[in-house]
Structure formats: structure tokens, C-alpha cells
Amino acid sequence: MREIIFDTETTGLDSREDRIIEIGGIELDNHFPTGRTLHLYINPADRKVHPDALAVHGITDEFLKDKPAFADVAEEILNFFEGAKWIAHNATFDMGFVNAELGRLGLPPIAPSEVIDTLSLARRKHPMGPNSLDALCRRYGIDNSHRAKHGALLDSELLAEVYIEMIGGRQAALGLAGPGQTTVEENEAAGVIVAGRPKPLADRVTETERQAHDAMVAKIGGKALWSRYQ
């Protein structure tokens, strides 16, 4: 199952007038990063970066002057996301801008069924909050000390780690798959499919412990429950 963890930076807060100026995405396959990423800066045409937005992400009008327009990179973006879920923190905001940009080009919007909002997942899992990306990094022990300002790719990388932790993706599935097989279980809280551990853990029982156990079973004799499962 392909998923793209993504984030956008914009000229302001109003998707009807403001524009996307940066988009970053991290590809996951069965909740494991594949190494494929998307990172683009975008020229917002005649829309200037609002001072409040500049204070958040630090992307200036001067920096964006020679960057491509959204129309020039729309195909690249859609190809990267094709067949994958769009996953963002406070996805209503990001998807509002994405769909507004697509609408300006006469392209259809991304359906809500293709979108997962990690903020909604966090609020269900941690109803007492706080559930900002920084707060979730602290909760899950994810180092975000290098995040001086918001950046689409950096925030996507952090969110990918948070998302995997939230859905239990680093834990073993409860199935009994053999070597090389993958089990799948439904994570009811997150509403997504969680892939099982790709290979079993190494045996932690030592040969000395095994011999001691066998000796104990032999001493108990035929009444030993363990004898039924050998």
C-alpha cells in the first residue's frame, strides 16, 4: 500500500487567493519509507508572501522569482501521488490549497476518500492533546531540534515518523506468518491497514535454557502440558 506523507507552505491562509509556494512529500510502502521524495518550490505569480507566513517558513518573494509556476509542475506532483493516499497534518488546510491550484488549471479535485488527516488521528488517539506536529514529536521521542522554521520536506519527514508511531507500524502484527510472509491487520483506531513485521525476531531462548526446560518436562512426566505441543 502506497502512501505519501506531504506538507505545503503557502503565501498566506486563504486558499481562494493565496498560493502554494512549496510542497514536499515522502513515499511510504506498507508504512516503510522507500527513499522516494518530492520537493518543489513554486512561483506564486503575482501573489506576494504575507509577512505572517514569511515569519513561519522564511520563504521570500525574491527566492521564488525564478521558480516554476504550479501549472509547470502539476503533472509531476500528480504523477508522484498517483495511486497513493494523500496524508497530511491538518489535511483540510493543505488539500484546500491543492484542490484550489488544481481547480485553476481545470483539473478535478482530489477526493476526500483519498486523504488521511493525521491531526484527526492524533485527536482520536490523544484526546487530551496537544497534537501539533512539535507536540507529537515530543510525545514519541522524535528529534525535531533542527526544525527552526517550517519547511515542507522537513515537516513531511517528521510527520512520516509520527504517523508510523501513531498507527503502531513499528510493532509486530499479531498473525502467524512464516518466514518471508507478511501479515496484515486492521488498525481500528487509525482506520488504515498496518503491515506486519517483514521477518520474525531472532530466537531469544538459549540452548542452556532449552535443555533445562526439557529436563523439567521429563521430570514431570506424561502429565506435563508441554508434552502435548512438542
Foldseek 3Di string as FASTA:
>chain_A
DKAKQKDFQWLDQDLLPIATFWMKIFIDDLLHTPPDMDIFGAQRPPRARDPVSCVFAVDHNVNHPPGHHCVVCVVVVCVVCPPHAYEYAPVVRVQSNVQSVCVVVVHHGDDPVSYAHVNVLCCLVPVVDDDDLVRLCVVVVNDPVVPPHDDTHSSSVSVSVSVCVSQVQVAADPDDDDQQDKDWDQSVSRRDIHIGDRGDDDDPQDPVNVVVVVVVQVVVPPPDPVVVVD
